[in-house]
Amino acid sequence: GIFFWSVRLFVGLYSPPADALPVFVVAKQWMWTLQHRNGRREINELHVPTDTPIKLVMTSQDVIHSFFIPELRVKQDVVPGRYTLLWFNIDKPGTYHLYCAEYCGTEHSQMGGVVTALPPAQFSAWLQHGNARSSLAERGFAAYRRYGCSGCHESGASVHAPSLRNLFGTPVQLQDGRRVIADESYLRDSILLPMKDIVAGYATVMPNYSGQMSEDDLMAIIDYLRDEKYRTDEQPESKDAP
């Protein structure tokens, strides 16, 4: 009985709700950089709304780190070359300590910060304050065009490539018979490791962008593919687009 109860808790811990608010996290020696969907960035500090599931999409630029909030009893390794996910829901406003729980070098003990939980109305006001950048999806649209993704994956393209319209969150049939969900990890691997999961019915012509695309551009493109404007055939007006 204890085993099945524990398995249920474990599966829930690694299955973020569909409506969870995504935040992109990049770790590097020795700091946390965090980015909200509207473009606002934070360093060693994360603001979130209370009573709202928060999903962290995390990667590292150098070595293994570990995102640890002891008051919430959540901890997840952050690994270079892949995405790891962590989600939580804070029900009380307040400030919670953030640590790196994986030894990552000489200044490991200094790699920390705080998570500040605000009531939803206060969080919305904070999110808009001082934000002069384009949204993550808008920057993703510019990067999507700059790297030439639209030349193969849009309707009318001469290259026979899978459509990305309404792809995010849906099942994808692969050549080896597997079915996977087009989540952040799948999209990242499709861009950086195109030979890993080949879509059924398509040739292996996708170029490899490993080493050519920054983490910022990669996360922005993925958020663009997630964006509702793109999923409903409306292109966002990007301040960064050529």
Protein backbone atom coordinates (compact mmCIF):
# COMPACT_ATOMS: atom_id res chain seq x y z
CA GLY A 1 0.00 0.00 0.00
CA ILE A 2 2.82 2.38 0.85
CA PHE A 3 4.53 1.55 -2.47
CA PHE A 4 1.52 2.41 -4.63
CA TRP A 5 0.83 5.56 -2.61
CA SER A 6 4.48 6.60 -3.12
CA VAL A 7 4.33 5.87 -6.86
CA ARG A 8 1.26 8.07 -7.18
CA LEU A 9 3.08 10.92 -5.44
CA PHE A 10 6.20 10.38 -7.59
CA VAL A 11 4.25 10.43 -10.86
CA GLY A 12 2.41 13.57 -9.76
CA LEU A 13 5.71 15.26 -8.90
CA TYR A 14 6.98 14.76 -12.46
CA SER A 15 3.70 15.46 -14.27
CA PRO A 16 3.11 19.23 -14.32
CA PRO A 17 -0.52 20.34 -14.81
CA ALA A 18 -1.36 21.35 -18.37
CA ASP A 19 -2.14 24.91 -17.25
CA ALA A 20 1.11 25.36 -15.28
CA LEU A 21 2.81 28.73 -15.79
CA PRO A 22 6.18 28.09 -17.52
CA VAL A 23 9.41 29.79 -16.47
CA PHE A 24 12.68 29.09 -18.30
CA VAL A 25 15.78 28.61 -16.14
CA VAL A 26 19.43 28.53 -17.24
CA ALA A 27 22.07 27.66 -14.64
CA LYS A 28 25.74 28.53 -14.97
CA GLN A 29 28.68 28.95 -12.65
CA TRP A 30 27.56 30.42 -10.33
CA MET A 31 24.15 31.96 -10.89
CA TRP A 32 20.55 31.28 -11.87
CA THR A 33 19.02 33.19 -14.78
CA LEU A 34 15.25 32.96 -15.05
CA GLN A 35 12.94 34.24 -17.77
CA HIS A 36 9.17 34.75 -17.80
CA ARG A 37 7.10 34.43 -20.96
CA ASN A 38 6.52 38.17 -21.29
CA GLY A 39 10.30 38.66 -21.55
CA ARG A 40 11.08 39.78 -18.02
CA ARG A 41 14.32 38.28 -16.71
CA GLU A 42 15.59 37.67 -13.19
CA ILE A 43 18.95 36.67 -11.73
CA ASN A 44 19.08 34.58 -8.55
CA GLU A 45 15.49 35.54 -7.79
CA LEU A 46 12.14 34.19 -8.95
CA HIS A 47 8.76 35.88 -8.53
CA VAL A 48 5.69 33.66 -8.83
CA PRO A 49 1.95 34.01 -8.10
CA THR A 50 0.39 32.06 -5.25
CA ASP A 51 -2.20 29.33 -5.81
CA THR A 52 -0.84 28.82 -9.35
CA PRO A 53 1.10 25.77 -10.60
CA ILE A 54 4.56 26.87 -11.78
CA LYS A 55 6.58 24.75 -14.22
CA LEU A 56 10.33 25.34 -14.46
CA VAL A 57 12.00 24.28 -17.72
CA MET A 58 15.67 24.09 -16.79
CA THR A 59 19.06 23.50 -18.39
CA SER A 60 22.71 24.25 -17.62
CA GLN A 61 25.38 26.00 -19.68
CA ASP A 62 28.32 24.24 -18.04
CA VAL A 63 28.13 21.58 -15.29
CA ILE A 64 25.39 19.81 -13.34
CA HIS A 65 23.57 22.04 -10.85
CA SER A 66 20.52 21.31 -8.70
CA PHE A 67 17.55 23.64 -8.16
CA PHE A 68 16.55 23.23 -4.49
CA ILE A 69 13.83 25.04 -2.50
CA PRO A 70 13.95 23.31 0.91
CA GLU A 71 10.80 24.97 2.32
CA LEU A 72 8.79 23.51 -0.57
CA ARG A 73 10.60 20.14 -0.41
CA VAL A 74 11.36 20.23 -4.15
CA LYS A 75 14.74 19.59 -5.78
CA GLN A 76 15.74 18.75 -9.35
CA ASP A 77 19.12 18.35 -11.03
CA VAL A 78 19.82 20.81 -13.87
CA VAL A 79 21.87 19.10 -16.56
CA PRO A 80 23.78 20.51 -19.56
CA GLY A 81 22.51 19.40 -22.96
CA ARG A 82 18.95 18.59 -21.93
CA TYR A 83 15.85 19.96 -20.22
CA THR A 84 14.68 18.88 -16.80
CA LEU A 85 11.32 19.91 -15.36
CA LEU A 86 10.20 20.88 -11.88
CA TRP A 87 6.81 22.15 -10.79
CA PHE A 88 5.30 23.45 -7.56
CA ASN A 89 2.36 25.44 -6.24
CA ILE A 90 2.86 27.90 -3.38
CA ASP A 91 -0.27 28.62 -1.35
CA LYS A 92 1.16 31.27 1.01
CA PRO A 93 2.80 34.60 0.06
CA GLY A 94 6.35 34.88 1.32
CA THR A 95 10.02 34.48 0.55
CA TYR A 96 11.61 31.05 0.18
CA HIS A 97 15.30 30.25 -0.04
CA LEU A 98 16.80 28.87 -3.27
CA TYR A 99 20.02 26.84 -3.29
CA CYS A 100 22.18 24.83 -5.66
CA ALA A 101 22.31 21.35 -4.11
CA GLU A 102 24.93 19.85 -6.46
CA TYR A 103 28.61 20.76 -6.01
CA CYS A 104 29.44 22.83 -9.10
CA GLY A 105 32.80 24.47 -8.44
CA THR A 106 34.67 26.84 -6.18
CA GLU A 107 31.76 29.24 -5.58
CA HIS A 108 29.08 26.56 -5.23
CA SER A 109 28.19 27.71 -1.71
CA GLN A 110 27.42 31.21 -3.06
CA MET A 111 25.02 30.00 -5.76
CA GLY A 112 21.68 30.78 -4.21
CA GLY A 113 18.77 33.15 -4.27
CA VAL A 114 15.15 33.55 -3.25
CA VAL A 115 11.70 32.66 -4.55
CA THR A 116 9.13 35.35 -3.79
CA ALA A 117 5.47 34.32 -3.87
CA LEU A 118 2.98 37.16 -4.40
CA PRO A 119 -0.83 37.24 -4.56
CA PRO A 120 -1.88 36.98 -8.24
CA ALA A 121 -2.83 40.67 -8.59
CA GLN A 122 0.49 41.82 -7.11
CA PHE A 123 2.39 39.37 -9.29
CA SER A 124 0.68 40.68 -12.45
CA ALA A 125 1.65 44.24 -11.51
CA TRP A 126 5.23 43.18 -10.78
CA LEU A 127 5.47 41.25 -14.07
CA GLN A 128 4.56 44.30 -16.12
CA HIS A 129 6.69 46.78 -14.17
CA GLY A 130 9.85 47.80 -16.00
CA ASN A 131 9.41 45.26 -18.79
CA ALA A 132 10.64 46.91 -22.01
CA ARG A 133 11.68 43.71 -23.81
CA SER A 134 9.79 41.76 -26.42
CA SER A 135 7.95 38.70 -25.16
CA LEU A 136 9.65 35.34 -25.35
CA ALA A 137 7.32 34.23 -28.17
CA GLU A 138 8.02 37.40 -30.18
CA ARG A 139 11.77 36.85 -29.89
CA GLY A 140 11.18 33.22 -30.79
CA PHE A 141 9.37 34.23 -33.98
CA ALA A 142 12.35 36.38 -34.98
CA ALA A 143 14.76 33.51 -34.28
CA TYR A 144 12.47 31.06 -36.12
CA ARG A 145 12.76 33.23 -39.22
CA ARG A 146 16.46 34.00 -38.74
CA TYR A 147 17.49 30.33 -38.56
CA GLY A 148 15.39 29.51 -41.61
CA CYS A 149 12.86 27.24 -39.85
CA SER A 150 9.97 28.84 -41.74
CA GLY A 151 11.55 27.87 -45.07
CA CYS A 152 10.89 24.17 -44.41
CA HIS A 153 8.07 23.93 -41.87
CA GLU A 154 5.56 26.45 -43.22
CA SER A 155 2.86 25.69 -45.79
CA GLY A 156 4.09 26.07 -49.37
CA ALA A 157 7.69 25.15 -48.51
CA SER A 158 9.56 23.17 -51.16
CA VAL A 159 11.04 20.85 -48.51
CA HIS A 160 8.79 18.04 -47.27
CA ALA A 161 9.00 18.68 -43.51
CA PRO A 162 6.50 18.16 -40.67
CA SER A 163 4.14 21.04 -39.94
CA LEU A 164 4.74 22.70 -36.58
CA ARG A 165 1.28 24.26 -36.48
CA ASN A 166 -0.57 23.14 -33.32
CA LEU A 167 2.22 20.66 -32.61
CA PHE A 168 3.06 21.55 -29.02
CA GLY A 169 1.58 19.12 -26.50
CA THR A 170 0.28 16.64 -29.11
CA PRO A 171 1.43 13.03 -29.77
CA VAL A 172 3.94 12.43 -32.58
CA GLN A 173 4.34 9.11 -34.40
CA LEU A 174 7.99 8.20 -34.99
CA GLN A 175 9.58 5.98 -37.63
CA ASP A 176 10.59 3.38 -35.04
CA GLY A 177 6.97 2.91 -33.97
CA ARG A 178 7.12 4.96 -30.78
CA ARG A 179 4.70 7.77 -29.96
CA VAL A 180 6.00 10.73 -27.99
CA ILE A 181 4.49 13.98 -26.79
CA ALA A 182 5.81 17.15 -28.43
CA ASP A 183 6.88 18.86 -25.21
CA GLU A 184 9.86 21.13 -24.52
CA SER A 185 12.34 18.24 -24.39
CA TYR A 186 11.11 16.74 -27.67
CA LEU A 187 11.34 20.08 -29.49
CA ARG A 188 14.81 20.74 -28.10
CA ASP A 189 16.07 17.33 -29.24
CA SER A 190 14.42 17.77 -32.66
CA ILE A 191 16.43 20.96 -33.17
CA LEU A 192 19.77 19.90 -31.70
CA LEU A 193 19.62 16.11 -32.30
CA PRO A 194 17.42 15.71 -35.38
CA MET A 195 18.46 12.07 -35.94
CA LYS A 196 17.25 10.99 -32.49
CA ASP A 197 13.47 10.97 -33.07
CA ILE A 198 12.54 10.93 -36.78
CA VAL A 199 8.89 11.57 -37.57
CA ALA A 200 7.18 8.78 -39.48
CA GLY A 201 6.83 9.49 -43.20
CA TYR A 202 9.59 12.10 -43.43
CA ALA A 203 13.16 11.96 -44.71
CA THR A 204 16.13 12.73 -42.46
CA VAL A 205 16.94 16.14 -43.93
CA MET A 206 16.72 18.30 -40.79
CA PRO A 207 20.04 20.14 -40.27
CA ASN A 208 21.78 19.87 -36.90
CA TYR A 209 21.78 23.16 -34.95
CA SER A 210 23.90 21.85 -32.07
CA GLY A 211 26.54 24.47 -31.25
CA GLN A 212 24.89 27.03 -33.53
CA MET A 213 21.90 28.10 -31.46
CA SER A 214 22.11 29.77 -28.04
CA GLU A 215 19.99 28.59 -25.10
CA ASP A 216 18.12 31.90 -25.21
CA ASP A 217 17.18 31.45 -28.89
CA LEU A 218 16.28 27.81 -28.34
CA MET A 219 13.95 28.57 -25.43
CA ALA A 220 12.40 31.47 -27.34
CA ILE A 221 11.64 29.31 -30.41
CA ILE A 222 10.06 26.65 -28.22
CA ASP A 223 7.90 29.23 -26.49
CA TYR A 224 6.88 30.60 -29.90
CA LEU A 225 5.74 27.12 -30.93
CA ARG A 226 3.77 26.91 -27.67
CA ASP A 227 2.19 30.34 -28.15
CA GLU A 228 -1.56 30.44 -28.76
CA LYS A 229 -1.22 33.11 -31.46
CA TYR A 230 0.93 30.75 -33.51
CA ARG A 231 -1.36 27.80 -32.81
CA THR A 232 -4.32 29.76 -34.22
CA ASP A 233 -2.55 30.82 -37.44
CA GLU A 234 -1.78 34.36 -36.28
CA GLN A 235 1.85 35.45 -36.43
CA PRO A 236 2.98 37.65 -33.51
CA GLU A 237 4.29 41.09 -34.40
CA SER A 238 7.88 40.92 -33.24
CA LYS A 239 9.91 44.00 -32.33
CA ASP A 240 13.02 41.92 -33.10
CA ALA A 241 11.93 40.56 -36.48
CA PRO A 242 13.86 41.80 -39.53
